[in-house]
Structures are given as C-alpha cells and as structure tokens.
Amino acid sequence: MRKVLYALMLAAMLAGPTMATQAWAGALQITSADPVAVITIPDSWAHAKVDRGLQIKTPDEEIFLWFELVPPDQIEALQKEHDAYFAKEGVKFTSATETVTREVNGRPWSFTEMQATSPDGPSIVRYLGINPKVASGKIIMLTYWASHEGHKKHDTAIKTMLDSLAFK
C-alpha cells in the first residue's frame, strides 16, 4: 500500500455542478508559497495551513482532506508521512482499488480508493493526484479520509467543493 502514489474521489464525485444549501467561504489558496490553485469550502468547515498546503475538516470531524503541492520526487515521502499519521490514528487498510487516471477539465487526475477500519469503524481513504500543469512540475495530492456516515452526509458538499477547484 506504500506504493499508492496518487488518488481520490470516484468519477461520480466529479459529476457536474450540484446545488448547495449552505454558505460557502471565499476561495482558499492550496499553498501560499506556490499559488497554483484555489478551492472554495463551506463556511462552517475548518481549514488550516500545513507544510505543503491546506488541511480541511468538516465540523463533525467525519471527513478530513489534505491538499498538498509536491514535486513528483517527494510523493513517496508524503505517502510515508500519511502512512505514519494513519497508523497513529489506528487506521488499518483492508483493500484498495486500482489507480485510474483520467483527464478532468484538461488536466490529468489519478484516483485510488482504499477501504479501511479505524477505532470509530469503517473508513474510506482516497488519494487523488492532480497535475495542475505548472512549470515547476509539482502535483497536487489530495488525501481524503472519511467515515462511511460522513462520506454519505457530506457528499454534495464534497462534489461542490471539487467543482470549485480553480487553477491559476
């Protein structure tokens, strides 16, 4: 499972525009050091800067997302950091899908979904690699961790948020 380099969200998560019933915050830069993209999140969702980008979580803490900008040669190091974090949180991976790559809005995206368990029950971990096509060659790595309940509850907000992803 350490070899998982990219992934997240299924094709259904990338469906067209959806209707949102909540207030949306302004666009957040994924990283201020290298502002290649912005994302809009619901007002009630928390966000914080992390070393390589942005961490976002739902108010009920049922979903955690990390948008991180990394050079391709640092993806393995990022994966090891996430593996250590998930191990500390008691997450155990039970299965994974094949990594699928497809073009979304003119940019290559790769998706991998992993089923897992945590002390709170069944979980979903998704990895998504997005090539923003920037001169530096850096990749946006999106890591998604959700309970099954949170995944269902926040599905529309996640779709709307991903639809808001804009590249500079």
N, C-alpha and C. Protein backbone atom coordinates (compact mmCIF):
# COMPACT_ATOMS: atom_id res chain seq x y z
N MET A 1 0.81 -1.19 0.00
CA MET A 1 0.00 0.00 0.00
C MET A 1 0.85 1.26 0.00
N ARG A 2 2.14 1.13 0.34
CA ARG A 2 3.03 2.30 0.28
C ARG A 2 3.22 2.77 -1.14
N LYS A 3 2.95 1.91 -2.10
CA LYS A 3 3.19 2.27 -3.48
C LYS A 3 2.08 3.14 -4.05
N VAL A 4 1.04 3.35 -3.28
CA VAL A 4 -0.04 4.21 -3.76
C VAL A 4 0.51 5.61 -3.90
N LEU A 5 0.57 6.09 -5.11
CA LEU A 5 1.17 7.40 -5.33
C LEU A 5 0.13 8.49 -5.57
N TYR A 6 -0.98 8.14 -6.10
CA TYR A 6 -1.96 9.15 -6.41
C TYR A 6 -3.35 8.62 -6.06
N ALA A 7 -4.34 9.51 -5.97
CA ALA A 7 -5.70 9.03 -5.95
C ALA A 7 -6.70 9.91 -5.28
N LEU A 8 -7.94 9.56 -5.33
CA LEU A 8 -9.10 10.05 -4.61
C LEU A 8 -10.30 10.10 -5.49
N MET A 9 -11.35 10.35 -4.91
CA MET A 9 -12.67 10.51 -5.47
C MET A 9 -12.94 9.62 -6.69
N LEU A 10 -14.07 9.03 -6.70
CA LEU A 10 -14.51 8.25 -7.84
C LEU A 10 -15.06 9.18 -8.91
N ALA A 11 -15.25 8.68 -10.08
CA ALA A 11 -15.74 9.51 -11.17
C ALA A 11 -17.06 10.19 -10.78
N ALA A 12 -17.87 9.51 -10.00
CA ALA A 12 -19.14 10.11 -9.57
C ALA A 12 -18.93 11.37 -8.75
N MET A 13 -17.82 11.42 -8.03
CA MET A 13 -17.53 12.60 -7.22
C MET A 13 -17.19 13.80 -8.10
N LEU A 14 -16.94 13.55 -9.38
CA LEU A 14 -16.57 14.64 -10.27
C LEU A 14 -17.71 15.02 -11.20
N ALA A 15 -18.89 14.61 -10.85
CA ALA A 15 -20.06 14.92 -11.66
C ALA A 15 -20.21 16.43 -11.78
N GLY A 16 -21.06 16.85 -12.65
CA GLY A 16 -21.27 18.28 -12.91
C GLY A 16 -21.70 19.06 -11.69
N PRO A 17 -22.03 20.33 -11.87
CA PRO A 17 -22.39 21.20 -10.75
C PRO A 17 -23.53 20.63 -9.93
N THR A 18 -23.46 20.87 -8.65
CA THR A 18 -24.50 20.43 -7.74
C THR A 18 -25.05 21.61 -6.99
N MET A 19 -26.22 21.45 -6.43
CA MET A 19 -26.82 22.54 -5.66
C MET A 19 -26.38 22.42 -4.22
N ALA A 20 -25.93 23.51 -3.65
CA ALA A 20 -25.50 23.52 -2.26
C ALA A 20 -26.50 24.32 -1.44
N THR A 21 -26.75 23.87 -0.23
CA THR A 21 -27.71 24.57 0.61
C THR A 21 -27.02 25.28 1.76
N GLN A 22 -25.73 25.37 1.74
CA GLN A 22 -25.01 26.02 2.81
C GLN A 22 -24.17 27.18 2.27
N ALA A 23 -23.74 28.04 3.17
CA ALA A 23 -22.91 29.17 2.77
C ALA A 23 -21.51 28.68 2.44
N TRP A 24 -20.88 29.32 1.47
CA TRP A 24 -19.56 28.92 1.02
C TRP A 24 -18.56 30.04 1.28
N ALA A 25 -17.42 29.66 1.80
CA ALA A 25 -16.35 30.61 2.09
C ALA A 25 -15.71 31.06 0.78
N GLY A 26 -14.89 32.05 0.85
CA GLY A 26 -14.16 32.51 -0.33
C GLY A 26 -13.13 31.47 -0.74
N ALA A 27 -12.50 31.70 -1.87
CA ALA A 27 -11.50 30.77 -2.38
C ALA A 27 -10.25 30.77 -1.50
N LEU A 28 -9.78 29.60 -1.16
CA LEU A 28 -8.56 29.42 -0.37
C LEU A 28 -7.45 28.93 -1.28
N GLN A 29 -6.28 29.52 -1.16
CA GLN A 29 -5.13 29.05 -1.92
C GLN A 29 -4.66 27.73 -1.32
N ILE A 30 -4.37 26.79 -2.17
CA ILE A 30 -3.89 25.49 -1.68
C ILE A 30 -2.54 25.68 -1.00
N THR A 31 -1.71 26.53 -1.52
CA THR A 31 -0.45 26.88 -0.85
C THR A 31 -0.10 28.32 -1.20
N SER A 32 0.25 29.08 -0.21
CA SER A 32 0.61 30.47 -0.47
C SER A 32 2.00 30.59 -1.08
N ALA A 33 2.87 29.63 -0.81
CA ALA A 33 4.24 29.67 -1.34
C ALA A 33 4.26 29.51 -2.86
N ASP A 34 3.34 28.73 -3.39
CA ASP A 34 3.27 28.46 -4.82
C ASP A 34 1.79 28.37 -5.19
N PRO A 35 1.12 29.52 -5.36
CA PRO A 35 -0.34 29.53 -5.53
C PRO A 35 -0.79 29.04 -6.91
N VAL A 36 -0.87 27.72 -7.07
CA VAL A 36 -1.24 27.15 -8.36
C VAL A 36 -2.73 26.89 -8.48
N ALA A 37 -3.44 26.84 -7.34
CA ALA A 37 -4.87 26.54 -7.38
C ALA A 37 -5.56 27.07 -6.13
N VAL A 38 -6.87 27.25 -6.27
CA VAL A 38 -7.71 27.66 -5.14
C VAL A 38 -8.90 26.73 -5.05
N ILE A 39 -9.44 26.62 -3.84
CA ILE A 39 -10.60 25.77 -3.58
C ILE A 39 -11.55 26.55 -2.68
N THR A 40 -12.85 26.38 -2.87
CA THR A 40 -13.85 27.04 -2.03
C THR A 40 -14.48 25.98 -1.15
N ILE A 41 -14.54 26.26 0.16
CA ILE A 41 -15.09 25.30 1.11
C ILE A 41 -16.30 25.91 1.82
N PRO A 42 -17.15 25.08 2.41
CA PRO A 42 -18.28 25.62 3.18
C PRO A 42 -17.78 26.48 4.34
N ASP A 43 -18.51 27.55 4.66
CA ASP A 43 -18.14 28.45 5.75
C ASP A 43 -17.91 27.71 7.06
N SER A 44 -18.70 26.72 7.34
CA SER A 44 -18.63 26.04 8.63
C SER A 44 -17.48 25.04 8.75
N TRP A 45 -16.78 24.76 7.65
CA TRP A 45 -15.69 23.80 7.68
C TRP A 45 -14.41 24.49 8.12
N ALA A 46 -13.63 23.79 8.92
CA ALA A 46 -12.36 24.34 9.42
C ALA A 46 -11.26 24.09 8.39
N HIS A 47 -10.31 25.02 8.36
CA HIS A 47 -9.15 24.82 7.50
C HIS A 47 -7.92 25.38 8.20
N ALA A 48 -6.79 24.80 7.87
CA ALA A 48 -5.51 25.24 8.45
C ALA A 48 -4.41 24.98 7.43
N LYS A 49 -3.38 25.80 7.50
CA LYS A 49 -2.21 25.58 6.66
C LYS A 49 -1.42 24.41 7.22
N VAL A 50 -0.88 23.60 6.32
CA VAL A 50 0.06 22.54 6.67
C VAL A 50 1.31 22.78 5.84
N ASP A 51 2.37 22.04 6.12
CA ASP A 51 3.66 22.29 5.47
C ASP A 51 3.57 22.47 3.96
N ARG A 52 2.83 21.62 3.30
CA ARG A 52 2.80 21.66 1.84
C ARG A 52 1.49 22.19 1.27
N GLY A 53 0.59 22.66 2.14
CA GLY A 53 -0.69 23.11 1.60
C GLY A 53 -1.75 23.42 2.62
N LEU A 54 -2.85 22.67 2.55
CA LEU A 54 -4.06 23.00 3.28
C LEU A 54 -4.72 21.74 3.84
N GLN A 55 -5.17 21.82 5.09
CA GLN A 55 -5.98 20.76 5.69
C GLN A 55 -7.37 21.32 5.90
N ILE A 56 -8.37 20.51 5.58
CA ILE A 56 -9.77 20.91 5.71
C ILE A 56 -10.50 19.80 6.46
N LYS A 57 -11.44 20.18 7.36
CA LYS A 57 -12.24 19.15 8.02
C LYS A 57 -13.65 19.65 8.23
N THR A 58 -14.57 18.71 8.24
CA THR A 58 -15.97 19.04 8.47
C THR A 58 -16.18 19.35 9.95
N PRO A 59 -17.23 20.12 10.27
CA PRO A 59 -17.47 20.47 11.68
C PRO A 59 -17.64 19.26 12.59
N ASP A 60 -18.20 18.17 12.06
CA ASP A 60 -18.39 16.96 12.86
C ASP A 60 -17.15 16.05 12.83
N GLU A 61 -16.10 16.48 12.14
CA GLU A 61 -14.84 15.74 12.01
C GLU A 61 -15.04 14.33 11.43
N GLU A 62 -16.02 14.21 10.55
CA GLU A 62 -16.26 12.94 9.87
C GLU A 62 -15.44 12.83 8.59
N ILE A 63 -14.95 13.98 8.09
CA ILE A 63 -14.11 13.99 6.89
C ILE A 63 -12.93 14.92 7.12
N PHE A 64 -11.75 14.43 6.75
CA PHE A 64 -10.52 15.22 6.75
C PHE A 64 -9.98 15.18 5.33
N LEU A 65 -9.53 16.34 4.83
CA LEU A 65 -8.94 16.44 3.50
C LEU A 65 -7.62 17.19 3.61
N TRP A 66 -6.66 16.77 2.81
CA TRP A 66 -5.39 17.48 2.71
C TRP A 66 -5.13 17.74 1.25
N PHE A 67 -4.93 19.00 0.89
CA PHE A 67 -4.50 19.41 -0.44
C PHE A 67 -3.05 19.83 -0.29
N GLU A 68 -2.13 19.09 -0.91
CA GLU A 68 -0.71 19.37 -0.75
C GLU A 68 -0.03 19.41 -2.11
N LEU A 69 0.83 20.39 -2.28
CA LEU A 69 1.56 20.57 -3.52
C LEU A 69 2.97 20.02 -3.35
N VAL A 70 3.32 19.01 -4.16
CA VAL A 70 4.62 18.36 -4.00
C VAL A 70 5.28 18.09 -5.35
N PRO A 71 6.60 18.15 -5.36
CA PRO A 71 7.31 17.71 -6.57
C PRO A 71 7.15 16.19 -6.69
N PRO A 72 7.14 15.67 -7.91
CA PRO A 72 6.97 14.22 -8.08
C PRO A 72 7.95 13.38 -7.27
N ASP A 73 9.19 13.86 -7.08
CA ASP A 73 10.18 13.06 -6.35
C ASP A 73 9.94 13.06 -4.83
N GLN A 74 8.94 13.81 -4.35
CA GLN A 74 8.62 13.82 -2.92
C GLN A 74 7.31 13.10 -2.61
N ILE A 75 6.68 12.51 -3.61
CA ILE A 75 5.40 11.84 -3.39
C ILE A 75 5.56 10.65 -2.45
N GLU A 76 6.62 9.89 -2.61
CA GLU A 76 6.85 8.74 -1.72
C GLU A 76 7.04 9.20 -0.27
N ALA A 77 7.77 10.28 -0.06
CA ALA A 77 7.96 10.82 1.30
C ALA A 77 6.62 11.28 1.88
N LEU A 78 5.80 11.92 1.06
CA LEU A 78 4.48 12.35 1.52
C LEU A 78 3.64 11.14 1.90
N GLN A 79 3.70 10.08 1.08
CA GLN A 79 2.94 8.86 1.36
C GLN A 79 3.38 8.25 2.69
N LYS A 80 4.66 8.25 2.96
CA LYS A 80 5.17 7.72 4.24
C LYS A 80 4.66 8.55 5.41
N GLU A 81 4.61 9.87 5.25
CA GLU A 81 4.06 10.73 6.31
C GLU A 81 2.60 10.40 6.57
N HIS A 82 1.84 10.21 5.50
CA HIS A 82 0.42 9.87 5.67
C HIS A 82 0.26 8.48 6.28
N ASP A 83 1.08 7.53 5.85
CA ASP A 83 1.03 6.19 6.44
C ASP A 83 1.27 6.26 7.95
N ALA A 84 2.26 7.05 8.37
CA ALA A 84 2.56 7.19 9.80
C ALA A 84 1.40 7.85 10.53
N TYR A 85 0.79 8.87 9.93
CA TYR A 85 -0.35 9.53 10.55
C TYR A 85 -1.52 8.55 10.71
N PHE A 86 -1.84 7.82 9.64
CA PHE A 86 -2.95 6.88 9.72
C PHE A 86 -2.67 5.77 10.74
N ALA A 87 -1.45 5.29 10.80
CA ALA A 87 -1.09 4.27 11.81
C ALA A 87 -1.30 4.82 13.22
N LYS A 88 -0.87 6.06 13.46
CA LYS A 88 -1.05 6.70 14.77
C LYS A 88 -2.53 6.83 15.12
N GLU A 89 -3.37 7.06 14.11
CA GLU A 89 -4.81 7.19 14.32
C GLU A 89 -5.52 5.84 14.40
N GLY A 90 -4.77 4.75 14.24
CA GLY A 90 -5.36 3.41 14.34
C GLY A 90 -6.06 2.95 13.07
N VAL A 91 -5.75 3.56 11.95
CA VAL A 91 -6.36 3.18 10.67
C VAL A 91 -5.62 1.98 10.11
N LYS A 92 -6.39 0.97 9.74
CA LYS A 92 -5.84 -0.24 9.12
C LYS A 92 -6.50 -0.41 7.76
N PHE A 93 -5.68 -0.56 6.73
CA PHE A 93 -6.19 -0.68 5.37
C PHE A 93 -6.59 -2.13 5.10
N THR A 94 -7.76 -2.30 4.47
CA THR A 94 -8.28 -3.64 4.21
C THR A 94 -8.29 -3.98 2.72
N SER A 95 -8.40 -2.98 1.85
CA SER A 95 -8.35 -3.23 0.41
C SER A 95 -8.14 -1.91 -0.31
N ALA A 96 -7.76 -2.04 -1.58
CA ALA A 96 -7.55 -0.85 -2.41
C ALA A 96 -8.01 -1.14 -3.83
N THR A 97 -8.42 -0.09 -4.52
CA THR A 97 -8.78 -0.22 -5.92
C THR A 97 -7.52 0.03 -6.76
N GLU A 98 -7.61 -0.31 -8.01
CA GLU A 98 -6.54 0.03 -8.94
C GLU A 98 -6.52 1.54 -9.12
N THR A 99 -5.36 2.09 -9.35
CA THR A 99 -5.27 3.51 -9.65
C THR A 99 -5.75 3.74 -11.08
N VAL A 100 -6.66 4.69 -11.22
CA VAL A 100 -7.24 5.03 -12.52
C VAL A 100 -6.84 6.46 -12.84
N THR A 101 -6.40 6.70 -14.06
CA THR A 101 -6.05 8.05 -14.48
C THR A 101 -7.01 8.47 -15.58
N ARG A 102 -7.51 9.69 -15.45
CA ARG A 102 -8.37 10.26 -16.50
C ARG A 102 -8.17 11.76 -16.53
N GLU A 103 -8.57 12.35 -17.63
CA GLU A 103 -8.45 13.79 -17.78
C GLU A 103 -9.74 14.45 -17.27
N VAL A 104 -9.58 15.48 -16.44
CA VAL A 104 -10.70 16.24 -15.92
C VAL A 104 -10.41 17.71 -16.21
N ASN A 105 -11.28 18.33 -16.97
CA ASN A 105 -11.11 19.74 -17.34
C ASN A 105 -9.72 20.04 -17.89
N GLY A 106 -9.22 19.13 -18.74
CA GLY A 106 -7.95 19.35 -19.42
C GLY A 106 -6.70 19.04 -18.60
N ARG A 107 -6.88 18.44 -17.41
CA ARG A 107 -5.73 18.12 -16.57
C ARG A 107 -5.79 16.64 -16.17
N PRO A 108 -4.63 15.98 -16.14
CA PRO A 108 -4.61 14.57 -15.72
C PRO A 108 -4.88 14.46 -14.21
N TRP A 109 -5.79 13.58 -13.84
CA TRP A 109 -6.10 13.26 -12.44
C TRP A 109 -5.95 11.75 -12.29
N SER A 110 -5.43 11.31 -11.16
CA SER A 110 -5.37 9.87 -10.88
C SER A 110 -6.07 9.61 -9.56
N PHE A 111 -6.77 8.48 -9.48
CA PHE A 111 -7.64 8.17 -8.35
C PHE A 111 -7.33 6.79 -7.79
N THR A 112 -7.27 6.68 -6.48
CA THR A 112 -7.18 5.39 -5.79
C THR A 112 -8.04 5.47 -4.54
N GLU A 113 -8.84 4.45 -4.31
CA GLU A 113 -9.66 4.40 -3.10
C GLU A 113 -9.24 3.20 -2.28
N MET A 114 -9.16 3.40 -0.98
CA MET A 114 -8.79 2.32 -0.07
C MET A 114 -9.87 2.18 1.00
N GLN A 115 -10.31 0.95 1.21
CA GLN A 115 -11.22 0.68 2.32
C GLN A 115 -10.36 0.46 3.55
N ALA A 116 -10.85 0.92 4.69
CA ALA A 116 -10.05 0.84 5.91
C ALA A 116 -10.97 0.73 7.11
N THR A 117 -10.38 0.44 8.24
CA THR A 117 -11.08 0.50 9.51
C THR A 117 -10.28 1.40 10.43
N SER A 118 -11.00 2.06 11.31
CA SER A 118 -10.37 2.89 12.33
C SER A 118 -11.03 2.55 13.65
N PRO A 119 -10.56 3.08 14.76
CA PRO A 119 -11.22 2.79 16.04
C PRO A 119 -12.70 3.18 16.05
N ASP A 120 -13.10 4.10 15.16
CA ASP A 120 -14.51 4.52 15.08
C ASP A 120 -15.33 3.69 14.12
N GLY A 121 -14.72 2.76 13.39
CA GLY A 121 -15.46 1.93 12.44
C GLY A 121 -14.90 1.99 11.04
N PRO A 122 -15.69 1.54 10.06
CA PRO A 122 -15.24 1.53 8.67
C PRO A 122 -14.90 2.94 8.18
N SER A 123 -13.86 3.03 7.37
CA SER A 123 -13.41 4.31 6.82
C SER A 123 -13.11 4.17 5.34
N ILE A 124 -13.07 5.32 4.69
CA ILE A 124 -12.66 5.41 3.30
C ILE A 124 -11.45 6.34 3.26
N VAL A 125 -10.41 5.91 2.59
CA VAL A 125 -9.25 6.77 2.35
C VAL A 125 -9.07 6.82 0.84
N ARG A 126 -9.02 8.03 0.33
CA ARG A 126 -8.83 8.21 -1.11
C ARG A 126 -7.63 9.09 -1.34
N TYR A 127 -6.90 8.75 -2.39
CA TYR A 127 -5.76 9.56 -2.83
C TYR A 127 -6.06 10.03 -4.25
N LEU A 128 -5.84 11.30 -4.47
CA LEU A 128 -6.06 11.88 -5.78
C LEU A 128 -4.85 12.70 -6.14
N GLY A 129 -4.26 12.42 -7.27
CA GLY A 129 -3.16 13.22 -7.78
C GLY A 129 -3.66 14.06 -8.93
N ILE A 130 -3.42 15.36 -8.84
CA ILE A 130 -3.88 16.29 -9.87
C ILE A 130 -2.66 17.00 -10.44
N ASN A 131 -2.51 16.93 -11.75
CA ASN A 131 -1.42 17.64 -12.40
C ASN A 131 -1.94 19.01 -12.81
N PRO A 132 -1.54 20.07 -12.09
CA PRO A 132 -2.03 21.41 -12.44
C PRO A 132 -1.33 22.02 -13.65
N LYS A 133 -0.39 21.26 -14.23
CA LYS A 133 0.35 21.69 -15.42
C LYS A 133 1.07 23.02 -15.17
N VAL A 134 1.90 23.04 -14.12
CA VAL A 134 2.69 24.23 -13.80
C VAL A 134 4.15 23.98 -14.16
N ALA A 135 4.88 25.06 -14.39
CA ALA A 135 6.28 24.97 -14.81
C ALA A 135 7.14 24.19 -13.83
N SER A 136 6.83 24.26 -12.53
CA SER A 136 7.62 23.55 -11.52
C SER A 136 7.45 22.04 -11.60
N GLY A 137 6.39 21.58 -12.28
CA GLY A 137 6.12 20.14 -12.37
C GLY A 137 5.47 19.56 -11.13
N LYS A 138 5.16 20.40 -10.15
CA LYS A 138 4.57 19.91 -8.90
C LYS A 138 3.16 19.36 -9.14
N ILE A 139 2.78 18.45 -8.27
CA ILE A 139 1.49 17.76 -8.32
C ILE A 139 0.70 18.14 -7.08
N ILE A 140 -0.61 18.32 -7.24
CA ILE A 140 -1.48 18.49 -6.08
C ILE A 140 -1.90 17.09 -5.63
N MET A 141 -1.57 16.75 -4.40
CA MET A 141 -2.01 15.48 -3.84
C MET A 141 -3.16 15.78 -2.89
N LEU A 142 -4.29 15.18 -3.15
CA LEU A 142 -5.46 15.33 -2.30
C LEU A 142 -5.67 14.01 -1.58
N THR A 143 -5.66 14.06 -0.26
CA THR A 143 -5.92 12.88 0.56
C THR A 143 -7.25 13.10 1.26
N TYR A 144 -8.12 12.12 1.19
CA TYR A 144 -9.48 12.19 1.73
C TYR A 144 -9.65 11.04 2.71
N TRP A 145 -10.05 11.35 3.94
CA TRP A 145 -10.31 10.32 4.95
C TRP A 145 -11.68 10.58 5.53
N ALA A 146 -12.56 9.60 5.44
CA ALA A 146 -13.94 9.79 5.89
C ALA A 146 -14.50 8.53 6.50
N SER A 147 -15.40 8.74 7.44
CA SER A 147 -16.22 7.62 7.90
C SER A 147 -17.25 7.37 6.81
N HIS A 148 -17.84 6.19 6.79
CA HIS A 148 -18.87 5.90 5.79
C HIS A 148 -20.05 6.86 5.98
N GLU A 149 -20.41 7.12 7.22
CA GLU A 149 -21.52 8.04 7.51
C GLU A 149 -21.20 9.45 7.02
N GLY A 150 -20.01 9.93 7.35
CA GLY A 150 -19.60 11.26 6.92
C GLY A 150 -19.52 11.38 5.41
N HIS A 151 -19.06 10.33 4.76
CA HIS A 151 -18.97 10.29 3.30
C HIS A 151 -20.35 10.51 2.68
N LYS A 152 -21.35 9.82 3.19
CA LYS A 152 -22.72 9.96 2.68
C LYS A 152 -23.29 11.33 3.03
N LYS A 153 -23.09 11.74 4.27
CA LYS A 153 -23.67 13.00 4.76
C LYS A 153 -23.13 14.22 4.00
N HIS A 154 -21.86 14.24 3.67
CA HIS A 154 -21.22 15.41 3.09
C HIS A 154 -20.94 15.27 1.59
N ASP A 155 -21.52 14.28 0.95
CA ASP A 155 -21.26 14.01 -0.46
C ASP A 155 -21.50 15.23 -1.35
N THR A 156 -22.63 15.89 -1.19
CA THR A 156 -22.95 17.05 -2.03
C THR A 156 -21.95 18.18 -1.83
N ALA A 157 -21.58 18.44 -0.58
CA ALA A 157 -20.60 19.50 -0.29
C ALA A 157 -19.24 19.16 -0.90
N ILE A 158 -18.84 17.90 -0.83
CA ILE A 158 -17.55 17.49 -1.41
C ILE A 158 -17.59 17.69 -2.92
N LYS A 159 -18.67 17.28 -3.57
CA LYS A 159 -18.79 17.46 -5.02
C LYS A 159 -18.70 18.94 -5.38
N THR A 160 -19.44 19.77 -4.65
CA THR A 160 -19.43 21.21 -4.92
C THR A 160 -18.03 21.79 -4.71
N MET A 161 -17.36 21.35 -3.66
CA MET A 161 -16.01 21.84 -3.36
C MET A 161 -15.06 21.45 -4.50
N LEU A 162 -15.10 20.21 -4.94
CA LEU A 162 -14.21 19.78 -6.02
C LEU A 162 -14.52 20.50 -7.32
N ASP A 163 -15.80 20.78 -7.57
CA ASP A 163 -16.17 21.55 -8.75
C ASP A 163 -15.61 22.96 -8.69
N SER A 164 -15.36 23.47 -7.48
CA SER A 164 -14.85 24.83 -7.32
C SER A 164 -13.34 24.94 -7.54
N LEU A 165 -12.65 23.81 -7.60
CA LEU A 165 -11.20 23.83 -7.76
C LEU A 165 -10.83 24.60 -9.04
N ALA A 166 -10.07 25.65 -8.86
CA ALA A 166 -9.67 26.50 -10.00
C ALA A 166 -8.16 26.64 -10.01
N PHE A 167 -7.59 26.56 -11.19
CA PHE A 167 -6.14 26.63 -11.34
C PHE A 167 -5.75 28.03 -11.80
N LYS A 168 -4.60 28.47 -11.33
CA LYS A 168 -4.11 29.80 -11.70
C LYS A 168 -3.14 29.71 -12.85
